[in-house]
Amino acid sequence: MKEVVINETDIVSAANNGMDSFLSLFIKSIKDSIGGELTAENMQELNVDQITLLAYDILHEEVMDGGFVQLIHNGYGGFIFQNPFAKVLKLWGLRDLSKLVYNGRELYFEHKDKLEKDCSDEEFMALFEQFPVFDDLDDDFIEHEEEWTAQIAIYVDEHISDFAKVEQ
């Protein structure tokens, strides 16, 4: 396992700047420990909680930018929907987010072949009109994003040692 080390003063400073800064510090520190990007090879160097936090970061970035269609088209569908991500979210106490991911999983398997195909920018933009079935998921995520992000920040704060070693 890679050791992720964060200075306590950095944590306090990030926490004082809000939940997004707090989570960003942990996400950046975990990514830095594995060379900047999560891959199939370096995933085994992290624990389940660290991987789940990085998965939430990917989910958050992709869905806030372009919804579940973009998430799947950009190749993250398998990572989000074919791993125990939703189960861990439920264990973290995020039942509604877990349900959303499980609902997305069903749609992912139903439409992944079309959504994961290489296509031009124009064809990609057309996917949003071809798959309105994801609109409710997108809306639900956006509507609850702040609440879920806050819950994840609280979970990380209450289980810091599962995410990083804190140094004075």
C-alpha atoms as a PDB file:
ATOM      1  CA  MET A   1       0.000   0.000   0.000  1.00  0.00           C
ATOM      2  CA  LYS A   2       1.144   3.492  -0.809  1.00  0.00           C
ATOM      3  CA  GLU A   3       1.420   5.749   2.174  1.00  0.00           C
ATOM      4  CA  VAL A   4      -0.463   8.992   1.696  1.00  0.00           C
ATOM      5  CA  VAL A   5       0.871  11.641   4.058  1.00  0.00           C
ATOM      6  CA  ILE A   6      -0.805  14.986   4.692  1.00  0.00           C
ATOM      7  CA  ASN A   7       0.380  17.715   7.030  1.00  0.00           C
ATOM      8  CA  GLU A   8      -2.105  18.523   9.793  1.00  0.00           C
ATOM      9  CA  THR A   9      -1.843  22.266   9.179  1.00  0.00           C
ATOM     10  CA  ASP A  10      -2.768  21.681   5.519  1.00  0.00           C
ATOM     11  CA  ILE A  11      -5.846  19.738   6.616  1.00  0.00           C
ATOM     12  CA  VAL A  12      -6.912  22.490   9.026  1.00  0.00           C
ATOM     13  CA  SER A  13      -6.360  25.146   6.366  1.00  0.00           C
ATOM     14  CA  ALA A  14      -8.293  23.182   3.737  1.00  0.00           C
ATOM     15  CA  ALA A  15     -11.133  22.489   6.175  1.00  0.00           C
ATOM     16  CA  ASN A  16     -11.347  26.204   6.975  1.00  0.00           C
ATOM     17  CA  ASN A  17     -11.785  26.859   3.243  1.00  0.00           C
ATOM     18  CA  GLY A  18     -14.777  24.505   3.010  1.00  0.00           C
ATOM     19  CA  MET A  19     -15.660  20.930   2.185  1.00  0.00           C
ATOM     20  CA  ASP A  20     -14.532  21.157  -1.444  1.00  0.00           C
ATOM     21  CA  SER A  21     -11.040  22.283  -0.427  1.00  0.00           C
ATOM     22  CA  PHE A  22     -10.916  19.640   2.292  1.00  0.00           C
ATOM     23  CA  LEU A  23     -11.810  16.826  -0.124  1.00  0.00           C
ATOM     24  CA  SER A  24      -9.553  18.235  -2.833  1.00  0.00           C
ATOM     25  CA  LEU A  25      -6.577  18.030  -0.481  1.00  0.00           C
ATOM     26  CA  PHE A  26      -7.197  14.330   0.146  1.00  0.00           C
ATOM     27  CA  ILE A  27      -7.932  13.592  -3.522  1.00  0.00           C
ATOM     28  CA  LYS A  28      -4.787  15.408  -4.683  1.00  0.00           C
ATOM     29  CA  SER A  29      -2.645  13.730  -2.023  1.00  0.00           C
ATOM     30  CA  ILE A  30      -3.927  10.276  -2.945  1.00  0.00           C
ATOM     31  CA  LYS A  31      -3.404  10.948  -6.655  1.00  0.00           C
ATOM     32  CA  ASP A  32       0.094  12.312  -6.014  1.00  0.00           C
ATOM     33  CA  SER A  33       0.993   9.137  -4.123  1.00  0.00           C
ATOM     34  CA  ILE A  34       0.246   7.033  -7.226  1.00  0.00           C
ATOM     35  CA  GLY A  35       1.792   9.293  -9.830  1.00  0.00           C
ATOM     36  CA  GLY A  36      -1.123  11.614 -10.538  1.00  0.00           C
ATOM     37  CA  GLU A  37      -3.732   9.346 -12.061  1.00  0.00           C
ATOM     38  CA  LEU A  38      -5.603   6.225 -11.030  1.00  0.00           C
ATOM     39  CA  THR A  39      -4.880   3.254 -13.292  1.00  0.00           C
ATOM     40  CA  ALA A  40      -5.630  -0.459 -13.158  1.00  0.00           C
ATOM     41  CA  GLU A  41      -1.985  -1.027 -12.220  1.00  0.00           C
ATOM     42  CA  ASN A  42      -1.719   1.436  -9.333  1.00  0.00           C
ATOM     43  CA  MET A  43      -5.230   0.825  -7.993  1.00  0.00           C
ATOM     44  CA  GLN A  44      -3.884  -2.115  -6.005  1.00  0.00           C
ATOM     45  CA  GLU A  45      -1.599   0.310  -4.132  1.00  0.00           C
ATOM     46  CA  LEU A  46      -4.619   2.009  -2.526  1.00  0.00           C
ATOM     47  CA  ASN A  47      -7.214   0.864  -0.043  1.00  0.00           C
ATOM     48  CA  VAL A  48     -10.952   0.645  -0.742  1.00  0.00           C
ATOM     49  CA  ASP A  49     -11.717   3.990   0.893  1.00  0.00           C
ATOM     50  CA  GLN A  50      -9.058   5.819  -1.121  1.00  0.00           C
ATOM     51  CA  ILE A  51     -10.288   4.240  -4.372  1.00  0.00           C
ATOM     52  CA  THR A  52     -13.886   5.125  -3.502  1.00  0.00           C
ATOM     53  CA  LEU A  53     -12.938   8.751  -2.878  1.00  0.00           C
ATOM     54  CA  LEU A  54     -11.177   8.914  -6.250  1.00  0.00           C
ATOM     55  CA  ALA A  55     -14.201   7.246  -7.874  1.00  0.00           C
ATOM     56  CA  TYR A  56     -16.473   9.891  -6.359  1.00  0.00           C
ATOM     57  CA  ASP A  57     -14.160  12.584  -7.704  1.00  0.00           C
ATOM     58  CA  ILE A  58     -14.402  11.084 -11.203  1.00  0.00           C
ATOM     59  CA  LEU A  59     -18.178  10.707 -10.925  1.00  0.00           C
ATOM     60  CA  HIS A  60     -18.509  14.266  -9.653  1.00  0.00           C
ATOM     61  CA  GLU A  61     -16.287  15.830 -12.318  1.00  0.00           C
ATOM     62  CA  GLU A  62     -17.822  13.939 -15.231  1.00  0.00           C
ATOM     63  CA  VAL A  63     -21.467  14.288 -14.216  1.00  0.00           C
ATOM     64  CA  MET A  64     -21.168  17.970 -13.314  1.00  0.00           C
ATOM     65  CA  ASP A  65     -19.466  18.616 -16.655  1.00  0.00           C
ATOM     66  CA  GLY A  66     -21.504  16.460 -19.016  1.00  0.00           C
ATOM     67  CA  GLY A  67     -23.693  14.024 -17.152  1.00  0.00           C
ATOM     68  CA  PHE A  68     -23.735  10.252 -17.094  1.00  0.00           C
ATOM     69  CA  VAL A  69     -23.577  10.112 -20.894  1.00  0.00           C
ATOM     70  CA  GLN A  70     -20.186  11.848 -20.770  1.00  0.00           C
ATOM     71  CA  LEU A  71     -19.019   9.700 -17.848  1.00  0.00           C
ATOM     72  CA  ILE A  72     -19.745   6.526 -19.807  1.00  0.00           C
ATOM     73  CA  HIS A  73     -18.485   7.840 -23.136  1.00  0.00           C
ATOM     74  CA  ASN A  74     -15.207   8.916 -21.545  1.00  0.00           C
ATOM     75  CA  GLY A  75     -14.597   5.341 -20.430  1.00  0.00           C
ATOM     76  CA  TYR A  76     -15.467   5.543 -16.734  1.00  0.00           C
ATOM     77  CA  GLY A  77     -18.644   3.460 -16.865  1.00  0.00           C
ATOM     78  CA  GLY A  78     -16.905   0.192 -16.099  1.00  0.00           C
ATOM     79  CA  PHE A  79     -15.004   1.707 -13.193  1.00  0.00           C
ATOM     80  CA  ILE A  80     -18.081   3.274 -11.621  1.00  0.00           C
ATOM     81  CA  PHE A  81     -20.674   0.609 -12.399  1.00  0.00           C
ATOM     82  CA  GLN A  82     -18.728  -2.671 -12.462  1.00  0.00           C
ATOM     83  CA  ASN A  83     -16.938  -2.229  -9.151  1.00  0.00           C
ATOM     84  CA  PRO A  84     -18.311  -2.133  -5.592  1.00  0.00           C
ATOM     85  CA  PHE A  85     -18.430   1.687  -5.637  1.00  0.00           C
ATOM     86  CA  ALA A  86     -22.187   1.872  -4.907  1.00  0.00           C
ATOM     87  CA  LYS A  87     -21.884  -0.721  -2.144  1.00  0.00           C
ATOM     88  CA  VAL A  88     -19.125   1.251  -0.412  1.00  0.00           C
ATOM     89  CA  LEU A  89     -21.134   4.472  -0.714  1.00  0.00           C
ATOM     90  CA  LYS A  90     -23.974   2.692   1.065  1.00  0.00           C
ATOM     91  CA  LEU A  91     -21.566   1.569   3.798  1.00  0.00           C
ATOM     92  CA  TRP A  92     -20.446   5.201   4.125  1.00  0.00           C
ATOM     93  CA  GLY A  93     -24.074   6.158   4.791  1.00  0.00           C
ATOM     94  CA  LEU A  94     -24.844   7.649   1.370  1.00  0.00           C
ATOM     95  CA  ARG A  95     -27.875   5.478   0.601  1.00  0.00           C
ATOM     96  CA  ASP A  96     -29.469   7.852  -1.901  1.00  0.00           C
ATOM     97  CA  LEU A  97     -26.260   8.290  -3.866  1.00  0.00           C
ATOM     98  CA  SER A  98     -25.758   4.537  -3.787  1.00  0.00           C
ATOM     99  CA  LYS A  99     -29.274   4.056  -5.218  1.00  0.00           C
ATOM    100  CA  LEU A 100     -28.514   6.587  -7.947  1.00  0.00           C
ATOM    101  CA  VAL A 101     -25.364   4.678  -8.922  1.00  0.00           C
ATOM    102  CA  TYR A 102     -27.270   1.364  -8.914  1.00  0.00           C
ATOM    103  CA  ASN A 103     -29.929   2.928 -11.170  1.00  0.00           C
ATOM    104  CA  GLY A 104     -27.184   4.240 -13.439  1.00  0.00           C
ATOM    105  CA  ARG A 105     -25.654   0.764 -13.506  1.00  0.00           C
ATOM    106  CA  GLU A 106     -28.799  -0.702 -15.050  1.00  0.00           C
ATOM    107  CA  LEU A 107     -28.829   1.969 -17.748  1.00  0.00           C
ATOM    108  CA  TYR A 108     -25.094   1.578 -18.290  1.00  0.00           C
ATOM    109  CA  PHE A 109     -25.410  -2.108 -19.127  1.00  0.00           C
ATOM    110  CA  GLU A 110     -28.398  -1.421 -21.350  1.00  0.00           C
ATOM    111  CA  HIS A 111     -26.692   1.319 -23.403  1.00  0.00           C
ATOM    112  CA  LYS A 112     -22.930   0.981 -22.923  1.00  0.00           C
ATOM    113  CA  ASP A 113     -22.178  -0.421 -26.379  1.00  0.00           C
ATOM    114  CA  LYS A 114     -23.556   2.666 -28.102  1.00  0.00           C
ATOM    115  CA  LEU A 115     -22.221   5.147 -25.545  1.00  0.00           C
ATOM    116  CA  GLU A 116     -18.673   3.779 -25.437  1.00  0.00           C
ATOM    117  CA  LYS A 117     -18.142   3.790 -29.220  1.00  0.00           C
ATOM    118  CA  ASP A 118     -15.627   6.206 -30.676  1.00  0.00           C
ATOM    119  CA  CYS A 119     -17.335   9.089 -32.398  1.00  0.00           C
ATOM    120  CA  SER A 120     -16.857  12.618 -33.650  1.00  0.00           C
ATOM    121  CA  ASP A 121     -17.630  15.644 -31.476  1.00  0.00           C
ATOM    122  CA  GLU A 122     -20.871  16.114 -33.374  1.00  0.00           C
ATOM    123  CA  GLU A 123     -21.871  12.478 -32.838  1.00  0.00           C
ATOM    124  CA  PHE A 124     -20.959  12.787 -29.169  1.00  0.00           C
ATOM    125  CA  MET A 125     -23.197  15.827 -28.736  1.00  0.00           C
ATOM    126  CA  ALA A 126     -26.036  13.893 -30.395  1.00  0.00           C
ATOM    127  CA  LEU A 127     -25.734  11.177 -27.726  1.00  0.00           C
ATOM    128  CA  PHE A 128     -27.343  13.512 -25.191  1.00  0.00           C
ATOM    129  CA  GLU A 129     -30.476  13.708 -27.340  1.00  0.00           C
ATOM    130  CA  GLN A 130     -30.419   9.983 -28.118  1.00  0.00           C
ATOM    131  CA  PHE A 131     -30.229   8.983 -24.437  1.00  0.00           C
ATOM    132  CA  PRO A 132     -32.603  11.216 -22.452  1.00  0.00           C
ATOM    133  CA  VAL A 133     -33.026   8.256 -20.102  1.00  0.00           C
ATOM    134  CA  PHE A 134     -29.965   9.586 -18.225  1.00  0.00           C
ATOM    135  CA  ASP A 135     -31.462  13.073 -17.710  1.00  0.00           C
ATOM    136  CA  ASP A 136     -33.216  12.188 -14.450  1.00  0.00           C
ATOM    137  CA  LEU A 137     -29.993  10.734 -13.049  1.00  0.00           C
ATOM    138  CA  ASP A 138     -28.076  13.863 -14.052  1.00  0.00           C
ATOM    139  CA  ASP A 139     -30.709  16.109 -12.487  1.00  0.00           C
ATOM    140  CA  ASP A 140     -30.792  14.059  -9.283  1.00  0.00           C
ATOM    141  CA  PHE A 141     -27.003  14.179  -8.952  1.00  0.00           C
ATOM    142  CA  ILE A 142     -26.834  17.920  -9.562  1.00  0.00           C
ATOM    143  CA  GLU A 143     -29.699  18.566  -7.146  1.00  0.00           C
ATOM    144  CA  HIS A 144     -28.009  16.613  -4.333  1.00  0.00           C
ATOM    145  CA  GLU A 145     -24.344  17.225  -5.175  1.00  0.00           C
ATOM    146  CA  GLU A 146     -23.649  19.627  -2.303  1.00  0.00           C
ATOM    147  CA  GLU A 147     -25.374  17.382   0.231  1.00  0.00           C
ATOM    148  CA  TRP A 148     -23.521  14.276  -0.962  1.00  0.00           C
ATOM    149  CA  THR A 149     -20.181  16.051  -1.133  1.00  0.00           C
ATOM    150  CA  ALA A 150     -20.718  17.287   2.419  1.00  0.00           C
ATOM    151  CA  GLN A 151     -21.549  13.759   3.587  1.00  0.00           C
ATOM    152  CA  ILE A 152     -18.380  12.436   1.966  1.00  0.00           C
ATOM    153  CA  ALA A 153     -16.313  15.211   3.562  1.00  0.00           C
ATOM    154  CA  ILE A 154     -17.776  14.300   6.966  1.00  0.00           C
ATOM    155  CA  TYR A 155     -17.017  10.624   6.365  1.00  0.00           C
ATOM    156  CA  VAL A 156     -13.411  11.404   5.399  1.00  0.00           C
ATOM    157  CA  ASP A 157     -13.035  13.682   8.443  1.00  0.00           C
ATOM    158  CA  GLU A 158     -14.371  10.986  10.763  1.00  0.00           C
ATOM    159  CA  HIS A 159     -12.125   8.309   9.188  1.00  0.00           C
ATOM    160  CA  ILE A 160      -9.020  10.313   8.259  1.00  0.00           C
ATOM    161  CA  SER A 161      -6.622   7.472   9.021  1.00  0.00           C
ATOM    162  CA  ASP A 162      -8.347   5.364   6.335  1.00  0.00           C
ATOM    163  CA  PHE A 163      -7.386   7.981   3.745  1.00  0.00           C
ATOM    164  CA  ALA A 164      -4.027   9.353   4.858  1.00  0.00           C
ATOM    165  CA  LYS A 165      -1.438   9.500   7.580  1.00  0.00           C
ATOM    166  CA  VAL A 166      -1.529  12.879   9.286  1.00  0.00           C
ATOM    167  CA  GLU A 167       1.806  14.434  10.237  1.00  0.00           C
ATOM    168  CA  GLN A 168       2.375  17.331  12.579  1.00  0.00           C
END
